[in-house]
Amino acid sequence: METIADRITIDDRICNGKPTIRNKRITVNAILGFLSSGDSREEILLQYPSLENEDIDACLKFASELMNRNFTIKEVA
């Protein structure tokens, strides 16, 4: 298991290795999806009472750090 941003964990036994919040079955992608569709932090925290405001911050930090990486697009046959 790897811990990223103090709250994001990656474990191949949980959610098929997708980044999750503190080993819960709540993926970073799900939280980012809620935010991008216009849900407020308060709405997300109501839907997921085990989450904390800092978990949402960690999701945003994780996404931001991921976008700071270099990517190469290769054509696949």
N, C-alpha and C. Protein backbone atom coordinates (compact mmCIF):
# COMPACT_ATOMS: atom_id res chain seq x y z
N MET A 1 0.86 -1.18 0.00
CA MET A 1 0.00 0.00 0.00
C MET A 1 0.90 1.24 0.00
N GLU A 2 0.47 2.23 -0.74
CA GLU A 2 1.20 3.49 -0.79
C GLU A 2 0.28 4.60 -0.29
N THR A 3 0.83 5.51 0.50
CA THR A 3 0.06 6.65 0.99
C THR A 3 0.56 7.91 0.30
N ILE A 4 -0.38 8.69 -0.22
CA ILE A 4 -0.06 9.91 -0.95
C ILE A 4 -0.86 11.04 -0.32
N ALA A 5 -0.21 12.17 -0.17
CA ALA A 5 -0.89 13.36 0.37
C ALA A 5 -1.51 13.08 1.73
N ASP A 6 -0.91 12.19 2.51
CA ASP A 6 -1.32 11.83 3.87
C ASP A 6 -2.70 11.18 3.98
N ARG A 7 -3.52 11.24 2.98
CA ARG A 7 -4.87 10.70 3.09
C ARG A 7 -5.27 9.81 1.91
N ILE A 8 -4.51 9.84 0.86
CA ILE A 8 -4.82 9.06 -0.34
C ILE A 8 -4.00 7.78 -0.30
N THR A 9 -4.68 6.65 -0.43
CA THR A 9 -4.00 5.36 -0.40
C THR A 9 -4.26 4.59 -1.68
N ILE A 10 -3.27 3.79 -2.05
CA ILE A 10 -3.40 2.91 -3.21
C ILE A 10 -3.06 1.51 -2.74
N ASP A 11 -4.03 0.63 -2.82
CA ASP A 11 -3.87 -0.75 -2.40
C ASP A 11 -4.55 -1.62 -3.45
N ASP A 12 -3.80 -2.53 -4.05
CA ASP A 12 -4.38 -3.33 -5.13
C ASP A 12 -5.53 -4.22 -4.67
N ARG A 13 -5.73 -4.37 -3.36
CA ARG A 13 -6.85 -5.15 -2.84
C ARG A 13 -8.11 -4.33 -2.62
N ILE A 14 -8.01 -3.02 -2.77
CA ILE A 14 -9.17 -2.14 -2.54
C ILE A 14 -9.46 -1.38 -3.83
N CYS A 15 -10.68 -1.51 -4.31
CA CYS A 15 -11.14 -0.81 -5.53
C CYS A 15 -10.19 -1.02 -6.70
N ASN A 16 -9.68 -2.25 -6.83
CA ASN A 16 -8.80 -2.62 -7.95
C ASN A 16 -7.58 -1.72 -8.07
N GLY A 17 -7.08 -1.23 -6.97
CA GLY A 17 -5.87 -0.43 -6.98
C GLY A 17 -6.06 1.03 -7.33
N LYS A 18 -7.29 1.47 -7.45
CA LYS A 18 -7.53 2.89 -7.71
C LYS A 18 -7.25 3.69 -6.44
N PRO A 19 -6.81 4.93 -6.59
CA PRO A 19 -6.57 5.76 -5.40
C PRO A 19 -7.86 5.95 -4.60
N THR A 20 -7.77 5.68 -3.30
CA THR A 20 -8.92 5.82 -2.42
C THR A 20 -8.57 6.74 -1.25
N ILE A 21 -9.57 7.08 -0.49
CA ILE A 21 -9.38 7.95 0.66
C ILE A 21 -9.25 7.08 1.92
N ARG A 22 -8.09 7.14 2.54
CA ARG A 22 -7.81 6.45 3.80
C ARG A 22 -8.28 4.99 3.83
N ASN A 23 -8.00 4.28 2.75
CA ASN A 23 -8.35 2.86 2.63
C ASN A 23 -9.85 2.58 2.68
N LYS A 24 -10.65 3.59 2.49
CA LYS A 24 -12.10 3.39 2.41
C LYS A 24 -12.43 3.04 0.96
N ARG A 25 -13.57 2.54 0.71
CA ARG A 25 -13.97 2.22 -0.65
C ARG A 25 -14.61 3.44 -1.31
N ILE A 26 -13.98 4.57 -1.11
CA ILE A 26 -14.39 5.83 -1.73
C ILE A 26 -13.20 6.29 -2.57
N THR A 27 -13.38 6.32 -3.89
CA THR A 27 -12.25 6.66 -4.75
C THR A 27 -12.08 8.17 -4.90
N VAL A 28 -10.85 8.55 -5.15
CA VAL A 28 -10.55 9.94 -5.45
C VAL A 28 -11.35 10.37 -6.67
N ASN A 29 -11.45 9.50 -7.65
CA ASN A 29 -12.19 9.81 -8.87
C ASN A 29 -13.65 10.15 -8.58
N ALA A 30 -14.26 9.41 -7.65
CA ALA A 30 -15.66 9.68 -7.31
C ALA A 30 -15.82 11.08 -6.72
N ILE A 31 -14.93 11.44 -5.81
CA ILE A 31 -15.01 12.76 -5.18
C ILE A 31 -14.76 13.86 -6.20
N LEU A 32 -13.77 13.67 -7.06
CA LEU A 32 -13.50 14.67 -8.10
C LEU A 32 -14.69 14.78 -9.07
N GLY A 33 -15.33 13.66 -9.34
CA GLY A 33 -16.52 13.68 -10.19
C GLY A 33 -17.66 14.48 -9.57
N PHE A 34 -17.88 14.30 -8.28
CA PHE A 34 -18.91 15.07 -7.59
C PHE A 34 -18.60 16.57 -7.64
N LEU A 35 -17.34 16.91 -7.37
CA LEU A 35 -16.95 18.33 -7.40
C LEU A 35 -17.12 18.92 -8.79
N SER A 36 -16.72 18.16 -9.82
CA SER A 36 -16.80 18.69 -11.19
C SER A 36 -18.24 18.81 -11.68
N SER A 37 -19.15 18.05 -11.06
CA SER A 37 -20.55 18.17 -11.47
C SER A 37 -21.29 19.25 -10.69
N GLY A 38 -20.55 19.93 -9.79
CA GLY A 38 -21.14 21.06 -9.09
C GLY A 38 -21.56 20.80 -7.66
N ASP A 39 -21.36 19.57 -7.17
CA ASP A 39 -21.71 19.29 -5.77
C ASP A 39 -20.79 20.09 -4.85
N SER A 40 -21.33 20.58 -3.77
CA SER A 40 -20.53 21.32 -2.80
C SER A 40 -19.84 20.34 -1.85
N ARG A 41 -18.85 20.84 -1.16
CA ARG A 41 -18.18 20.02 -0.14
C ARG A 41 -19.19 19.53 0.89
N GLU A 42 -20.09 20.41 1.28
CA GLU A 42 -21.08 20.06 2.29
C GLU A 42 -21.96 18.91 1.81
N GLU A 43 -22.36 18.94 0.53
CA GLU A 43 -23.19 17.85 -0.01
C GLU A 43 -22.43 16.53 -0.02
N ILE A 44 -21.16 16.59 -0.40
CA ILE A 44 -20.34 15.37 -0.43
C ILE A 44 -20.17 14.82 0.98
N LEU A 45 -19.90 15.69 1.93
CA LEU A 45 -19.71 15.23 3.31
C LEU A 45 -21.01 14.67 3.90
N LEU A 46 -22.16 15.16 3.45
CA LEU A 46 -23.44 14.59 3.89
C LEU A 46 -23.64 13.20 3.29
N GLN A 47 -23.23 13.03 2.03
CA GLN A 47 -23.38 11.73 1.36
C GLN A 47 -22.42 10.70 1.93
N TYR A 48 -21.26 11.14 2.37
CA TYR A 48 -20.23 10.26 2.91
C TYR A 48 -19.82 10.74 4.31
N PRO A 49 -20.58 10.40 5.33
CA PRO A 49 -20.32 10.91 6.68
C PRO A 49 -18.95 10.52 7.25
N SER A 50 -18.32 9.49 6.71
CA SER A 50 -17.01 9.10 7.23
C SER A 50 -15.88 9.96 6.67
N LEU A 51 -16.19 10.80 5.69
CA LEU A 51 -15.17 11.70 5.13
C LEU A 51 -15.04 12.95 5.96
N GLU A 52 -13.88 13.57 5.81
CA GLU A 52 -13.60 14.86 6.45
C GLU A 52 -13.26 15.87 5.37
N ASN A 53 -13.40 17.12 5.68
CA ASN A 53 -13.10 18.18 4.73
C ASN A 53 -11.67 18.05 4.19
N GLU A 54 -10.75 17.62 5.04
CA GLU A 54 -9.35 17.46 4.63
C GLU A 54 -9.20 16.35 3.59
N ASP A 55 -10.11 15.39 3.56
CA ASP A 55 -10.07 14.34 2.54
C ASP A 55 -10.33 14.93 1.16
N ILE A 56 -11.25 15.87 1.09
CA ILE A 56 -11.54 16.53 -0.19
C ILE A 56 -10.34 17.36 -0.63
N ASP A 57 -9.73 18.05 0.32
CA ASP A 57 -8.50 18.80 0.01
C ASP A 57 -7.43 17.86 -0.55
N ALA A 58 -7.28 16.68 0.06
CA ALA A 58 -6.27 15.72 -0.39
C ALA A 58 -6.57 15.23 -1.81
N CYS A 59 -7.84 15.05 -2.14
CA CYS A 59 -8.21 14.64 -3.50
C CYS A 59 -7.79 15.70 -4.51
N LEU A 60 -8.04 16.95 -4.18
CA LEU A 60 -7.66 18.04 -5.08
C LEU A 60 -6.14 18.15 -5.19
N LYS A 61 -5.44 17.97 -4.09
CA LYS A 61 -3.98 18.01 -4.12
C LYS A 61 -3.43 16.85 -4.95
N PHE A 62 -4.01 15.68 -4.79
CA PHE A 62 -3.59 14.51 -5.57
C PHE A 62 -3.75 14.77 -7.06
N ALA A 63 -4.91 15.30 -7.46
CA ALA A 63 -5.16 15.59 -8.86
C ALA A 63 -4.20 16.65 -9.38
N SER A 64 -3.94 17.65 -8.59
CA SER A 64 -3.03 18.72 -8.99
C SER A 64 -1.61 18.18 -9.18
N GLU A 65 -1.15 17.35 -8.26
CA GLU A 65 0.19 16.78 -8.38
C GLU A 65 0.29 15.84 -9.58
N LEU A 66 -0.78 15.13 -9.86
CA LEU A 66 -0.79 14.24 -11.02
C LEU A 66 -0.66 15.04 -12.32
N MET A 67 -1.28 16.20 -12.36
CA MET A 67 -1.21 17.03 -13.56
C MET A 67 0.15 17.70 -13.74
N ASN A 68 0.96 17.71 -12.70
CA ASN A 68 2.30 18.28 -12.80
C ASN A 68 3.31 17.33 -13.44
N ARG A 69 2.89 16.12 -13.72
CA ARG A 69 3.78 15.14 -14.32
C ARG A 69 3.83 15.33 -15.83
N ASN A 70 4.89 14.84 -16.44
CA ASN A 70 5.02 14.89 -17.90
C ASN A 70 4.39 13.65 -18.50
N PHE A 71 3.71 13.83 -19.61
CA PHE A 71 3.06 12.73 -20.28
C PHE A 71 3.54 12.66 -21.72
N THR A 72 3.66 11.46 -22.25
CA THR A 72 4.02 11.25 -23.64
C THR A 72 2.92 10.44 -24.29
N ILE A 73 2.43 10.95 -25.40
CA ILE A 73 1.39 10.24 -26.13
C ILE A 73 2.06 9.43 -27.24
N LYS A 74 1.80 8.14 -27.22
CA LYS A 74 2.36 7.25 -28.24
C LYS A 74 1.23 6.58 -28.99
N GLU A 75 1.42 6.45 -30.28
CA GLU A 75 0.43 5.77 -31.09
C GLU A 75 0.56 4.28 -30.90
N VAL A 76 -0.57 3.62 -30.67
CA VAL A 76 -0.57 2.18 -30.46
C VAL A 76 -1.21 1.53 -31.65
N ALA A 77 -0.57 0.51 -32.17
CA ALA A 77 -1.07 -0.18 -33.38
C ALA A 77 -2.24 -1.05 -33.05
